[in-house]
Amino acid sequence: MADQEWTFEEIDKHVQAADLSAFGAGGKHHFEAAAVATTPGDVLKKICAIYKVVRPILVGVTKIPFIPKKWKDAISTFIGLMDKLCP
């Protein structure tokens, strides 16, 4: 995912447009813990789907001045890992 400077309004619009019900029970991106062992590729696709919804929020948090640097570093490390898993 490309890094871009997201405004609050752009992040909100992005999240508002997401069908979060798809991640709940019965939704197309929902999975049970047992699926991790039986269909890990399918589970990863579902995890990537929700990551793509929340990624702009995570990036936004790293831009907040009063968030401690170590927290920002942890979030940035997580974003980097997920970006590799979820291109």
N, C-alpha and C. Protein backbone atom coordinates (compact mmCIF):
# COMPACT_ATOMS: atom_id res chain seq x y z
N MET A 1 0.84 -1.18 0.00
CA MET A 1 0.00 0.00 0.00
C MET A 1 0.89 1.24 0.00
N ALA A 2 0.55 2.17 -0.79
CA ALA A 2 1.35 3.38 -0.90
C ALA A 2 1.17 4.25 0.34
N ASP A 3 2.30 4.79 0.80
CA ASP A 3 2.21 5.76 1.89
C ASP A 3 1.73 7.07 1.31
N GLN A 4 0.74 7.61 1.92
CA GLN A 4 0.24 8.92 1.52
C GLN A 4 -0.10 9.68 2.78
N GLU A 5 -0.16 10.96 2.67
CA GLU A 5 -0.57 11.79 3.80
C GLU A 5 -2.10 11.80 3.82
N TRP A 6 -2.67 11.14 4.81
CA TRP A 6 -4.12 11.06 4.94
C TRP A 6 -4.59 12.18 5.86
N THR A 7 -5.64 12.86 5.48
CA THR A 7 -6.28 13.80 6.39
C THR A 7 -7.25 13.02 7.26
N PHE A 8 -7.68 13.63 8.35
CA PHE A 8 -8.69 13.00 9.19
C PHE A 8 -9.93 12.66 8.37
N GLU A 9 -10.34 13.60 7.53
CA GLU A 9 -11.55 13.41 6.72
C GLU A 9 -11.38 12.24 5.74
N GLU A 10 -10.20 12.10 5.15
CA GLU A 10 -9.96 10.99 4.22
C GLU A 10 -9.96 9.65 4.95
N ILE A 11 -9.36 9.61 6.13
CA ILE A 11 -9.37 8.38 6.92
C ILE A 11 -10.80 8.03 7.30
N ASP A 12 -11.56 9.02 7.76
CA ASP A 12 -12.95 8.77 8.14
C ASP A 12 -13.77 8.27 6.96
N LYS A 13 -13.61 8.89 5.83
CA LYS A 13 -14.35 8.46 4.62
C LYS A 13 -13.98 7.03 4.25
N HIS A 14 -12.69 6.70 4.34
CA HIS A 14 -12.21 5.35 4.03
C HIS A 14 -12.85 4.32 4.97
N VAL A 15 -12.84 4.62 6.26
CA VAL A 15 -13.41 3.68 7.25
C VAL A 15 -14.93 3.61 7.11
N GLN A 16 -15.57 4.74 6.90
CA GLN A 16 -17.03 4.76 6.75
C GLN A 16 -17.47 3.93 5.55
N ALA A 17 -16.65 3.89 4.50
CA ALA A 17 -17.00 3.15 3.29
C ALA A 17 -16.80 1.64 3.44
N ALA A 18 -16.08 1.23 4.46
CA ALA A 18 -15.81 -0.20 4.66
C ALA A 18 -17.03 -0.92 5.21
N ASP A 19 -17.25 -2.11 4.72
CA ASP A 19 -18.34 -2.95 5.22
C ASP A 19 -17.79 -3.77 6.38
N LEU A 20 -17.83 -3.21 7.57
CA LEU A 20 -17.27 -3.89 8.74
C LEU A 20 -18.06 -5.13 9.13
N SER A 21 -19.31 -5.23 8.70
CA SER A 21 -20.09 -6.42 9.01
C SER A 21 -19.50 -7.65 8.32
N ALA A 22 -18.73 -7.45 7.28
CA ALA A 22 -18.10 -8.58 6.57
C ALA A 22 -17.09 -9.30 7.45
N PHE A 23 -16.64 -8.63 8.53
CA PHE A 23 -15.64 -9.23 9.40
C PHE A 23 -16.25 -9.90 10.63
N GLY A 24 -17.53 -9.68 10.85
CA GLY A 24 -18.23 -10.30 11.98
C GLY A 24 -18.73 -11.69 11.65
N ALA A 25 -19.30 -12.33 12.64
CA ALA A 25 -19.83 -13.69 12.46
C ALA A 25 -20.78 -13.73 11.27
N GLY A 26 -20.54 -14.68 10.38
CA GLY A 26 -21.37 -14.83 9.19
C GLY A 26 -20.92 -13.99 8.02
N GLY A 27 -19.99 -13.05 8.24
CA GLY A 27 -19.50 -12.20 7.16
C GLY A 27 -18.48 -12.91 6.29
N LYS A 28 -18.26 -12.40 5.10
CA LYS A 28 -17.37 -13.09 4.15
C LYS A 28 -15.91 -13.09 4.60
N HIS A 29 -15.52 -12.21 5.51
CA HIS A 29 -14.14 -12.18 5.98
C HIS A 29 -14.00 -12.75 7.40
N HIS A 30 -15.07 -13.29 7.94
CA HIS A 30 -15.02 -13.87 9.28
C HIS A 30 -14.37 -15.25 9.22
N PHE A 31 -13.64 -15.59 10.27
CA PHE A 31 -13.07 -16.94 10.38
C PHE A 31 -12.97 -17.34 11.84
N GLU A 32 -12.95 -18.61 12.06
CA GLU A 32 -12.78 -19.17 13.40
C GLU A 32 -11.30 -19.53 13.59
N ALA A 33 -10.86 -19.61 14.82
CA ALA A 33 -9.46 -19.90 15.11
C ALA A 33 -8.98 -21.20 14.46
N ALA A 34 -9.85 -22.18 14.37
CA ALA A 34 -9.47 -23.47 13.78
C ALA A 34 -9.07 -23.33 12.32
N ALA A 35 -9.58 -22.32 11.64
CA ALA A 35 -9.26 -22.13 10.23
C ALA A 35 -7.79 -21.76 10.02
N VAL A 36 -7.15 -21.24 11.05
CA VAL A 36 -5.74 -20.88 10.93
C VAL A 36 -4.91 -22.11 10.58
N ALA A 37 -5.24 -23.23 11.17
CA ALA A 37 -4.51 -24.48 10.91
C ALA A 37 -4.95 -25.15 9.61
N THR A 38 -6.23 -25.03 9.30
CA THR A 38 -6.75 -25.78 8.14
C THR A 38 -6.65 -25.01 6.83
N THR A 39 -6.85 -23.71 6.86
CA THR A 39 -6.80 -22.89 5.63
C THR A 39 -6.05 -21.58 5.89
N PRO A 40 -4.76 -21.67 6.20
CA PRO A 40 -4.02 -20.45 6.57
C PRO A 40 -3.99 -19.40 5.46
N GLY A 41 -3.94 -19.80 4.22
CA GLY A 41 -3.94 -18.83 3.12
C GLY A 41 -5.22 -18.02 3.07
N ASP A 42 -6.34 -18.70 3.30
CA ASP A 42 -7.64 -18.03 3.32
C ASP A 42 -7.72 -17.05 4.50
N VAL A 43 -7.21 -17.49 5.64
CA VAL A 43 -7.22 -16.64 6.84
C VAL A 43 -6.36 -15.40 6.60
N LEU A 44 -5.20 -15.57 5.98
CA LEU A 44 -4.33 -14.43 5.70
C LEU A 44 -5.04 -13.42 4.80
N LYS A 45 -5.75 -13.88 3.79
CA LYS A 45 -6.50 -12.97 2.92
C LYS A 45 -7.54 -12.18 3.72
N LYS A 46 -8.17 -12.83 4.67
CA LYS A 46 -9.18 -12.16 5.49
C LYS A 46 -8.54 -11.16 6.45
N ILE A 47 -7.39 -11.53 7.00
CA ILE A 47 -6.67 -10.60 7.87
C ILE A 47 -6.22 -9.38 7.06
N CYS A 48 -5.74 -9.62 5.86
CA CYS A 48 -5.29 -8.51 5.01
C CYS A 48 -6.45 -7.59 4.65
N ALA A 49 -7.63 -8.15 4.48
CA ALA A 49 -8.79 -7.32 4.15
C ALA A 49 -9.07 -6.31 5.27
N ILE A 50 -9.04 -6.74 6.52
CA ILE A 50 -9.30 -5.80 7.62
C ILE A 50 -8.09 -4.88 7.82
N TYR A 51 -6.89 -5.39 7.60
CA TYR A 51 -5.71 -4.54 7.72
C TYR A 51 -5.80 -3.36 6.75
N LYS A 52 -6.25 -3.61 5.56
CA LYS A 52 -6.36 -2.53 4.57
C LYS A 52 -7.39 -1.48 4.98
N VAL A 53 -8.34 -1.86 5.81
CA VAL A 53 -9.30 -0.89 6.34
C VAL A 53 -8.64 -0.06 7.44
N VAL A 54 -7.90 -0.70 8.33
CA VAL A 54 -7.36 0.01 9.50
C VAL A 54 -5.99 0.65 9.28
N ARG A 55 -5.31 0.30 8.19
CA ARG A 55 -3.97 0.83 7.95
C ARG A 55 -3.92 2.36 8.02
N PRO A 56 -4.84 3.09 7.36
CA PRO A 56 -4.76 4.55 7.45
C PRO A 56 -4.90 5.08 8.88
N ILE A 57 -5.66 4.39 9.72
CA ILE A 57 -5.78 4.79 11.12
C ILE A 57 -4.43 4.61 11.81
N LEU A 58 -3.79 3.48 11.58
CA LEU A 58 -2.49 3.23 12.20
C LEU A 58 -1.46 4.27 11.76
N VAL A 59 -1.43 4.57 10.47
CA VAL A 59 -0.51 5.60 9.97
C VAL A 59 -0.83 6.94 10.63
N GLY A 60 -2.11 7.25 10.74
CA GLY A 60 -2.52 8.51 11.38
C GLY A 60 -2.06 8.60 12.82
N VAL A 61 -2.14 7.51 13.55
CA VAL A 61 -1.70 7.50 14.95
C VAL A 61 -0.20 7.82 15.04
N THR A 62 0.58 7.35 14.07
CA THR A 62 2.02 7.62 14.12
C THR A 62 2.34 9.08 13.86
N LYS A 63 1.37 9.85 13.39
CA LYS A 63 1.59 11.27 13.12
C LYS A 63 1.18 12.17 14.29
N ILE A 64 0.56 11.61 15.31
CA ILE A 64 0.11 12.40 16.46
C ILE A 64 1.32 12.77 17.31
N PRO A 65 1.55 14.05 17.53
CA PRO A 65 2.77 14.50 18.21
C PRO A 65 2.96 13.94 19.62
N PHE A 66 1.90 13.78 20.39
CA PHE A 66 2.07 13.38 21.79
C PHE A 66 2.15 11.86 22.00
N ILE A 67 2.06 11.09 20.93
CA ILE A 67 2.24 9.64 21.04
C ILE A 67 3.73 9.38 21.22
N PRO A 68 4.10 8.60 22.24
CA PRO A 68 5.53 8.34 22.49
C PRO A 68 6.21 7.70 21.28
N LYS A 69 7.47 8.05 21.06
CA LYS A 69 8.24 7.55 19.92
C LYS A 69 8.26 6.03 19.89
N LYS A 70 8.44 5.41 21.03
CA LYS A 70 8.51 3.93 21.08
C LYS A 70 7.19 3.32 20.60
N TRP A 71 6.06 3.94 20.93
CA TRP A 71 4.76 3.47 20.45
C TRP A 71 4.69 3.62 18.93
N LYS A 72 5.13 4.78 18.45
CA LYS A 72 5.12 5.01 17.00
C LYS A 72 6.00 4.01 16.29
N ASP A 73 7.17 3.72 16.88
CA ASP A 73 8.08 2.74 16.29
C ASP A 73 7.43 1.35 16.22
N ALA A 74 6.72 0.99 17.28
CA ALA A 74 6.05 -0.32 17.31
C ALA A 74 4.97 -0.38 16.23
N ILE A 75 4.19 0.67 16.12
CA ILE A 75 3.13 0.71 15.10
C ILE A 75 3.74 0.69 13.71
N SER A 76 4.79 1.46 13.49
CA SER A 76 5.45 1.49 12.19
C SER A 76 6.04 0.13 11.83
N THR A 77 6.59 -0.56 12.80
CA THR A 77 7.13 -1.91 12.57
C THR A 77 6.00 -2.85 12.16
N PHE A 78 4.87 -2.76 12.85
CA PHE A 78 3.71 -3.59 12.52
C PHE A 78 3.22 -3.27 11.10
N ILE A 79 3.14 -1.99 10.77
CA ILE A 79 2.70 -1.58 9.43
C ILE A 79 3.64 -2.17 8.37
N GLY A 80 4.94 -2.08 8.62
CA GLY A 80 5.92 -2.62 7.68
C GLY A 80 5.75 -4.11 7.46
N LEU A 81 5.55 -4.85 8.55
CA LEU A 81 5.33 -6.29 8.45
C LEU A 81 4.06 -6.60 7.68
N MET A 82 2.98 -5.92 8.03
CA MET A 82 1.70 -6.19 7.37
C MET A 82 1.74 -5.78 5.90
N ASP A 83 2.45 -4.71 5.57
CA ASP A 83 2.58 -4.32 4.17
C ASP A 83 3.28 -5.39 3.34
N LYS A 84 4.20 -6.10 3.95
CA LYS A 84 4.88 -7.21 3.25
C LYS A 84 3.94 -8.41 3.10
N LEU A 85 3.13 -8.67 4.11
CA LEU A 85 2.19 -9.79 4.06
C LEU A 85 0.99 -9.50 3.18
N CYS A 86 0.63 -8.24 3.09
CA CYS A 86 -0.61 -7.83 2.41
C CYS A 86 -0.31 -6.76 1.35
N PRO A 87 0.37 -7.13 0.28
CA PRO A 87 0.72 -6.12 -0.72
C PRO A 87 -0.49 -5.53 -1.43
